[in-house]
Amino acid sequence: MRKTLIAMLFASTLPAIAMAMPGEGHRHHGGKHTPFEQLDLTKEQKQDMRKLMGEQMKNHREITQRYLDKLPESERKAMQDELKSSKETTHKQMRNLLKPEQQKRFDEMHEKMQAKRAERAEFAQWKAEREQKN
């Protein structure tokens, strides 16, 4: 079951990584190309597709979390450690593909993402503490 959950979590991160990576045919947030360009979607269809994809990602996370909550703490910790190690390895491999000036921008982007994650985690913790008081 552990291997299945790890594989499931890893697979769930691949679409996010693919969408975040700049590349031909897959520019995100204002780029010239989108995954739906070949479908010639209307603006409304694009919005609906994004909404559905967001809902699917949310459902995927909720389902995954439901099963993770059933794991013993030691298994969850082991899985988190393995996922972190895998993420760090992939990050290093991606960085090594870049030229020095690209590496600098990549590092800046990474630092900004980490700061946003830390801010979200801090907010979530504050929110949870506030809800416990009420």
N, C-alpha and C. Protein backbone atom coordinates (compact mmCIF):
# COMPACT_ATOMS: atom_id res chain seq x y z
N MET A 1 0.82 -1.18 0.00
CA MET A 1 0.00 0.00 0.00
C MET A 1 0.87 1.26 0.00
N ARG A 2 1.99 1.20 0.72
CA ARG A 2 2.88 2.35 0.80
C ARG A 2 3.40 2.73 -0.58
N LYS A 3 3.84 1.74 -1.34
CA LYS A 3 4.37 2.01 -2.67
C LYS A 3 3.29 2.59 -3.58
N THR A 4 2.08 2.10 -3.43
CA THR A 4 0.97 2.61 -4.24
C THR A 4 0.71 4.07 -3.92
N LEU A 5 0.71 4.42 -2.64
CA LEU A 5 0.48 5.81 -2.24
C LEU A 5 1.59 6.73 -2.73
N ILE A 6 2.83 6.25 -2.63
CA ILE A 6 3.96 7.05 -3.10
C ILE A 6 3.84 7.27 -4.60
N ALA A 7 3.54 6.22 -5.32
CA ALA A 7 3.39 6.33 -6.78
C ALA A 7 2.24 7.28 -7.13
N MET A 8 1.15 7.18 -6.38
CA MET A 8 0.00 8.03 -6.63
C MET A 8 0.35 9.50 -6.37
N LEU A 9 1.05 9.77 -5.29
CA LEU A 9 1.45 11.15 -5.00
C LEU A 9 2.42 11.68 -6.04
N PHE A 10 3.37 10.86 -6.43
CA PHE A 10 4.33 11.28 -7.44
C PHE A 10 3.62 11.58 -8.76
N ALA A 11 2.71 10.70 -9.14
CA ALA A 11 1.97 10.89 -10.39
C ALA A 11 1.12 12.15 -10.33
N SER A 12 0.61 12.47 -9.15
CA SER A 12 -0.23 13.66 -9.04
C SER A 12 0.57 14.94 -9.19
N THR A 13 1.87 14.90 -8.94
CA THR A 13 2.68 16.11 -9.08
C THR A 13 3.15 16.34 -10.51
N LEU A 14 3.16 15.32 -11.34
CA LEU A 14 3.67 15.47 -12.70
C LEU A 14 2.91 16.50 -13.53
N PRO A 15 1.57 16.53 -13.50
CA PRO A 15 0.89 17.57 -14.29
C PRO A 15 1.25 18.98 -13.84
N ALA A 16 1.40 19.18 -12.55
CA ALA A 16 1.76 20.50 -12.05
C ALA A 16 3.15 20.89 -12.53
N ILE A 17 4.07 19.94 -12.50
CA ILE A 17 5.43 20.21 -12.97
C ILE A 17 5.41 20.52 -14.47
N ALA A 18 4.65 19.74 -15.22
CA ALA A 18 4.58 19.96 -16.67
C ALA A 18 4.00 21.33 -17.00
N MET A 19 2.98 21.73 -16.26
CA MET A 19 2.35 23.03 -16.52
C MET A 19 3.27 24.17 -16.09
N ALA A 20 4.08 23.96 -15.07
CA ALA A 20 4.95 25.02 -14.56
C ALA A 20 6.19 25.20 -15.42
N MET A 21 6.60 24.17 -16.12
CA MET A 21 7.82 24.24 -16.91
C MET A 21 7.56 24.99 -18.21
N PRO A 22 8.41 25.96 -18.51
CA PRO A 22 8.27 26.63 -19.80
C PRO A 22 8.71 25.68 -20.90
N GLY A 23 7.96 25.64 -21.94
CA GLY A 23 8.33 24.76 -23.04
C GLY A 23 7.41 24.98 -24.22
N GLU A 24 7.79 24.50 -25.34
CA GLU A 24 6.98 24.69 -26.52
C GLU A 24 5.64 24.02 -26.37
N GLY A 25 4.61 24.76 -26.67
CA GLY A 25 3.27 24.22 -26.64
C GLY A 25 2.66 24.14 -25.26
N HIS A 26 3.40 24.51 -24.24
CA HIS A 26 2.87 24.39 -22.89
C HIS A 26 3.18 25.61 -22.04
N ARG A 27 3.12 26.78 -22.63
CA ARG A 27 3.33 28.00 -21.83
C ARG A 27 2.10 28.23 -21.00
N HIS A 28 2.32 28.73 -19.81
CA HIS A 28 1.23 28.89 -18.86
C HIS A 28 1.13 30.34 -18.42
N HIS A 29 -0.04 30.79 -18.12
CA HIS A 29 -0.29 32.14 -17.63
C HIS A 29 0.14 33.21 -18.63
N GLY A 30 -0.59 33.34 -19.66
CA GLY A 30 -0.35 34.44 -20.58
C GLY A 30 0.59 34.13 -21.71
N GLY A 31 1.08 32.91 -21.82
CA GLY A 31 1.98 32.56 -22.91
C GLY A 31 1.22 32.43 -24.21
N LYS A 32 1.94 32.27 -25.29
CA LYS A 32 1.32 32.18 -26.61
C LYS A 32 0.63 30.85 -26.83
N HIS A 33 1.11 29.80 -26.17
CA HIS A 33 0.57 28.47 -26.41
C HIS A 33 0.00 27.90 -25.12
N THR A 34 -1.10 27.21 -25.23
CA THR A 34 -1.69 26.51 -24.10
C THR A 34 -1.97 25.09 -24.52
N PRO A 35 -2.17 24.19 -23.57
CA PRO A 35 -2.49 22.81 -23.93
C PRO A 35 -3.78 22.70 -24.75
N PHE A 36 -4.64 23.71 -24.65
CA PHE A 36 -5.93 23.64 -25.32
C PHE A 36 -5.95 24.38 -26.66
N GLU A 37 -4.81 24.92 -27.07
CA GLU A 37 -4.77 25.70 -28.30
C GLU A 37 -5.25 24.89 -29.51
N GLN A 38 -4.90 23.64 -29.56
CA GLN A 38 -5.27 22.81 -30.70
C GLN A 38 -6.77 22.57 -30.78
N LEU A 39 -7.47 22.76 -29.65
CA LEU A 39 -8.92 22.55 -29.63
C LEU A 39 -9.69 23.79 -30.05
N ASP A 40 -9.00 24.92 -30.18
CA ASP A 40 -9.64 26.17 -30.59
C ASP A 40 -10.83 26.49 -29.70
N LEU A 41 -10.58 26.51 -28.39
CA LEU A 41 -11.64 26.75 -27.42
C LEU A 41 -11.98 28.23 -27.32
N THR A 42 -13.22 28.51 -26.97
CA THR A 42 -13.62 29.88 -26.70
C THR A 42 -13.09 30.27 -25.33
N LYS A 43 -13.16 31.56 -25.03
CA LYS A 43 -12.70 32.04 -23.73
C LYS A 43 -13.48 31.36 -22.61
N GLU A 44 -14.78 31.23 -22.78
CA GLU A 44 -15.62 30.59 -21.77
C GLU A 44 -15.24 29.12 -21.59
N GLN A 45 -14.98 28.43 -22.69
CA GLN A 45 -14.60 27.03 -22.62
C GLN A 45 -13.26 26.88 -21.88
N LYS A 46 -12.32 27.78 -22.15
CA LYS A 46 -11.03 27.74 -21.46
C LYS A 46 -11.22 27.93 -19.97
N GLN A 47 -12.07 28.89 -19.58
CA GLN A 47 -12.33 29.13 -18.17
C GLN A 47 -12.96 27.90 -17.52
N ASP A 48 -13.92 27.30 -18.22
CA ASP A 48 -14.59 26.11 -17.70
C ASP A 48 -13.60 24.95 -17.56
N MET A 49 -12.71 24.80 -18.54
CA MET A 49 -11.71 23.73 -18.50
C MET A 49 -10.77 23.94 -17.31
N ARG A 50 -10.32 25.17 -17.11
CA ARG A 50 -9.44 25.46 -15.97
C ARG A 50 -10.15 25.16 -14.65
N LYS A 51 -11.42 25.54 -14.59
CA LYS A 51 -12.20 25.29 -13.37
C LYS A 51 -12.30 23.79 -13.11
N LEU A 52 -12.61 23.01 -14.15
CA LEU A 52 -12.72 21.56 -14.00
C LEU A 52 -11.38 20.94 -13.60
N MET A 53 -10.30 21.43 -14.20
CA MET A 53 -8.98 20.89 -13.86
C MET A 53 -8.64 21.22 -12.40
N GLY A 54 -8.98 22.42 -11.97
CA GLY A 54 -8.74 22.80 -10.58
C GLY A 54 -9.53 21.93 -9.61
N GLU A 55 -10.79 21.68 -9.95
CA GLU A 55 -11.64 20.83 -9.11
C GLU A 55 -11.08 19.41 -9.06
N GLN A 56 -10.60 18.92 -10.20
CA GLN A 56 -10.04 17.57 -10.25
C GLN A 56 -8.80 17.49 -9.38
N MET A 57 -7.96 18.50 -9.44
CA MET A 57 -6.74 18.50 -8.62
C MET A 57 -7.11 18.54 -7.13
N LYS A 58 -8.10 19.34 -6.78
CA LYS A 58 -8.55 19.44 -5.39
C LYS A 58 -9.09 18.09 -4.92
N ASN A 59 -9.94 17.46 -5.75
CA ASN A 59 -10.49 16.15 -5.40
C ASN A 59 -9.39 15.11 -5.24
N HIS A 60 -8.41 15.16 -6.12
CA HIS A 60 -7.28 14.23 -6.07
C HIS A 60 -6.54 14.38 -4.74
N ARG A 61 -6.27 15.63 -4.35
CA ARG A 61 -5.58 15.88 -3.08
C ARG A 61 -6.41 15.39 -1.90
N GLU A 62 -7.72 15.64 -1.93
CA GLU A 62 -8.59 15.22 -0.82
C GLU A 62 -8.63 13.70 -0.69
N ILE A 63 -8.74 13.02 -1.81
CA ILE A 63 -8.77 11.55 -1.79
C ILE A 63 -7.45 11.01 -1.27
N THR A 64 -6.35 11.56 -1.79
CA THR A 64 -5.03 11.12 -1.35
C THR A 64 -4.86 11.35 0.15
N GLN A 65 -5.26 12.52 0.62
CA GLN A 65 -5.12 12.83 2.04
C GLN A 65 -5.95 11.89 2.89
N ARG A 66 -7.12 11.52 2.43
CA ARG A 66 -7.99 10.61 3.18
C ARG A 66 -7.27 9.28 3.43
N TYR A 67 -6.56 8.78 2.42
CA TYR A 67 -5.83 7.52 2.58
C TYR A 67 -4.55 7.72 3.39
N LEU A 68 -3.90 8.86 3.22
CA LEU A 68 -2.70 9.13 4.00
C LEU A 68 -3.01 9.21 5.49
N ASP A 69 -4.16 9.75 5.82
CA ASP A 69 -4.56 9.87 7.22
C ASP A 69 -4.70 8.51 7.89
N LYS A 70 -4.90 7.47 7.10
CA LYS A 70 -5.06 6.12 7.65
C LYS A 70 -3.71 5.44 7.92
N LEU A 71 -2.64 6.00 7.39
CA LEU A 71 -1.32 5.40 7.59
C LEU A 71 -0.80 5.72 8.98
N PRO A 72 -0.01 4.80 9.54
CA PRO A 72 0.65 5.10 10.82
C PRO A 72 1.62 6.27 10.63
N GLU A 73 1.88 7.01 11.70
CA GLU A 73 2.74 8.20 11.64
C GLU A 73 4.12 7.87 11.06
N SER A 74 4.67 6.72 11.42
CA SER A 74 6.01 6.36 10.92
C SER A 74 6.00 6.19 9.40
N GLU A 75 4.93 5.62 8.86
CA GLU A 75 4.82 5.44 7.41
C GLU A 75 4.66 6.79 6.71
N ARG A 76 3.86 7.68 7.29
CA ARG A 76 3.68 9.01 6.70
C ARG A 76 4.99 9.77 6.68
N LYS A 77 5.74 9.69 7.78
CA LYS A 77 7.03 10.37 7.87
C LYS A 77 8.01 9.81 6.83
N ALA A 78 8.04 8.50 6.70
CA ALA A 78 8.93 7.87 5.71
C ALA A 78 8.55 8.31 4.30
N MET A 79 7.26 8.35 4.03
CA MET A 79 6.79 8.77 2.71
C MET A 79 7.16 10.22 2.45
N GLN A 80 6.96 11.10 3.42
CA GLN A 80 7.29 12.51 3.27
C GLN A 80 8.78 12.69 3.02
N ASP A 81 9.60 11.95 3.74
CA ASP A 81 11.05 12.02 3.56
C ASP A 81 11.45 11.57 2.16
N GLU A 82 10.85 10.49 1.70
CA GLU A 82 11.16 9.97 0.36
C GLU A 82 10.71 10.94 -0.72
N LEU A 83 9.52 11.52 -0.55
CA LEU A 83 9.03 12.50 -1.51
C LEU A 83 9.93 13.74 -1.55
N LYS A 84 10.36 14.19 -0.38
CA LYS A 84 11.24 15.36 -0.30
C LYS A 84 12.56 15.08 -1.01
N SER A 85 13.12 13.91 -0.77
CA SER A 85 14.37 13.54 -1.41
C SER A 85 14.23 13.47 -2.92
N SER A 86 13.14 12.88 -3.37
CA SER A 86 12.87 12.78 -4.81
C SER A 86 12.72 14.16 -5.43
N LYS A 87 12.02 15.05 -4.75
CA LYS A 87 11.80 16.41 -5.24
C LYS A 87 13.12 17.15 -5.35
N GLU A 88 13.97 17.02 -4.32
CA GLU A 88 15.26 17.69 -4.32
C GLU A 88 16.15 17.18 -5.45
N THR A 89 16.13 15.87 -5.68
CA THR A 89 16.93 15.28 -6.75
C THR A 89 16.46 15.81 -8.11
N THR A 90 15.16 15.84 -8.32
CA THR A 90 14.61 16.36 -9.58
C THR A 90 14.96 17.83 -9.75
N HIS A 91 14.86 18.59 -8.68
CA HIS A 91 15.20 20.02 -8.73
C HIS A 91 16.65 20.20 -9.18
N LYS A 92 17.56 19.43 -8.61
CA LYS A 92 18.98 19.52 -8.97
C LYS A 92 19.19 19.14 -10.43
N GLN A 93 18.51 18.09 -10.88
CA GLN A 93 18.66 17.65 -12.27
C GLN A 93 18.14 18.71 -13.23
N MET A 94 17.02 19.33 -12.89
CA MET A 94 16.46 20.38 -13.73
C MET A 94 17.42 21.57 -13.79
N ARG A 95 17.94 21.95 -12.64
CA ARG A 95 18.86 23.09 -12.56
C ARG A 95 20.11 22.83 -13.39
N ASN A 96 20.61 21.59 -13.37
CA ASN A 96 21.83 21.25 -14.11
C ASN A 96 21.64 21.33 -15.62
N LEU A 97 20.41 21.30 -16.08
CA LEU A 97 20.14 21.42 -17.51
C LEU A 97 20.26 22.86 -18.01
N LEU A 98 20.27 23.81 -17.09
CA LEU A 98 20.20 25.22 -17.44
C LEU A 98 21.58 25.86 -17.56
N LYS A 99 21.62 26.95 -18.32
CA LYS A 99 22.83 27.77 -18.43
C LYS A 99 22.93 28.61 -17.17
N PRO A 100 24.14 29.14 -16.86
CA PRO A 100 24.32 29.90 -15.61
C PRO A 100 23.29 31.02 -15.40
N GLU A 101 22.99 31.80 -16.43
CA GLU A 101 22.02 32.89 -16.25
C GLU A 101 20.61 32.33 -16.00
N GLN A 102 20.30 31.20 -16.63
CA GLN A 102 19.01 30.56 -16.40
C GLN A 102 18.95 29.98 -14.98
N GLN A 103 20.08 29.44 -14.52
CA GLN A 103 20.14 28.90 -13.16
C GLN A 103 19.84 29.99 -12.14
N LYS A 104 20.37 31.18 -12.37
CA LYS A 104 20.14 32.29 -11.45
C LYS A 104 18.65 32.61 -11.37
N ARG A 105 17.99 32.71 -12.53
CA ARG A 105 16.54 32.99 -12.55
C ARG A 105 15.76 31.84 -11.93
N PHE A 106 16.19 30.61 -12.22
CA PHE A 106 15.55 29.41 -11.67
C PHE A 106 15.63 29.43 -10.15
N ASP A 107 16.81 29.78 -9.62
CA ASP A 107 17.00 29.86 -8.17
C ASP A 107 16.11 30.95 -7.56
N GLU A 108 16.02 32.09 -8.23
CA GLU A 108 15.16 33.17 -7.74
C GLU A 108 13.69 32.73 -7.71
N MET A 109 13.27 32.08 -8.79
CA MET A 109 11.89 31.59 -8.84
C MET A 109 11.64 30.58 -7.73
N HIS A 110 12.60 29.70 -7.51
CA HIS A 110 12.47 28.67 -6.47
C HIS A 110 12.36 29.31 -5.09
N GLU A 111 13.18 30.33 -4.84
CA GLU A 111 13.14 31.02 -3.55
C GLU A 111 11.79 31.69 -3.34
N LYS A 112 11.25 32.31 -4.38
CA LYS A 112 9.93 32.95 -4.27
C LYS A 112 8.85 31.92 -3.98
N MET A 113 8.92 30.76 -4.66
CA MET A 113 7.92 29.71 -4.41
C MET A 113 8.02 29.20 -2.98
N GLN A 114 9.25 29.02 -2.49
CA GLN A 114 9.42 28.55 -1.11
C GLN A 114 8.87 29.57 -0.12
N ALA A 115 9.08 30.85 -0.39
CA ALA A 115 8.57 31.90 0.50
C ALA A 115 7.04 31.88 0.51
N LYS A 116 6.43 31.70 -0.66
CA LYS A 116 4.97 31.63 -0.73
C LYS A 116 4.44 30.41 0.01
N ARG A 117 5.12 29.28 -0.14
CA ARG A 117 4.69 28.07 0.58
C ARG A 117 4.78 28.28 2.08
N ALA A 118 5.87 28.89 2.52
CA ALA A 118 6.03 29.13 3.96
C ALA A 118 4.95 30.08 4.46
N GLU A 119 4.63 31.08 3.67
CA GLU A 119 3.58 32.03 4.05
C GLU A 119 2.23 31.33 4.14
N ARG A 120 1.93 30.47 3.16
CA ARG A 120 0.67 29.72 3.18
C ARG A 120 0.61 28.79 4.38
N ALA A 121 1.73 28.14 4.69
CA ALA A 121 1.76 27.23 5.84
C ALA A 121 1.55 28.00 7.14
N GLU A 122 2.17 29.15 7.23
CA GLU A 122 2.01 29.98 8.43
C GLU A 122 0.55 30.42 8.57
N PHE A 123 -0.05 30.81 7.46
CA PHE A 123 -1.46 31.22 7.50
C PHE A 123 -2.35 30.05 7.89
N ALA A 124 -2.09 28.88 7.32
CA ALA A 124 -2.90 27.70 7.64
C ALA A 124 -2.78 27.36 9.12
N GLN A 125 -1.58 27.48 9.66
CA GLN A 125 -1.39 27.20 11.08
C GLN A 125 -2.14 28.22 11.93
N TRP A 126 -2.05 29.49 11.57
CA TRP A 126 -2.77 30.54 12.28
C TRP A 126 -4.28 30.28 12.24
N LYS A 127 -4.76 29.92 11.05
CA LYS A 127 -6.19 29.66 10.87
C LYS A 127 -6.65 28.48 11.73
N ALA A 128 -5.83 27.42 11.75
CA ALA A 128 -6.18 26.24 12.55
C ALA A 128 -6.20 26.58 14.05
N GLU A 129 -5.22 27.37 14.48
CA GLU A 129 -5.18 27.78 15.89
C GLU A 129 -6.39 28.65 16.24
N ARG A 130 -6.76 29.52 15.33
CA ARG A 130 -7.91 30.39 15.55
C ARG A 130 -9.20 29.59 15.65
N GLU A 131 -9.34 28.58 14.79
CA GLU A 131 -10.53 27.74 14.81
C GLU A 131 -10.62 26.92 16.09
N GLN A 132 -9.46 26.50 16.62
CA GLN A 132 -9.45 25.74 17.85
C GLN A 132 -9.89 26.59 19.03
N LYS A 133 -9.55 27.86 19.01
CA LYS A 133 -9.95 28.78 20.09
C LYS A 133 -11.43 29.06 20.08
N ASN A 134 -12.04 29.02 18.90
CA ASN A 134 -13.48 29.34 18.77
C ASN A 134 -14.31 28.15 19.03
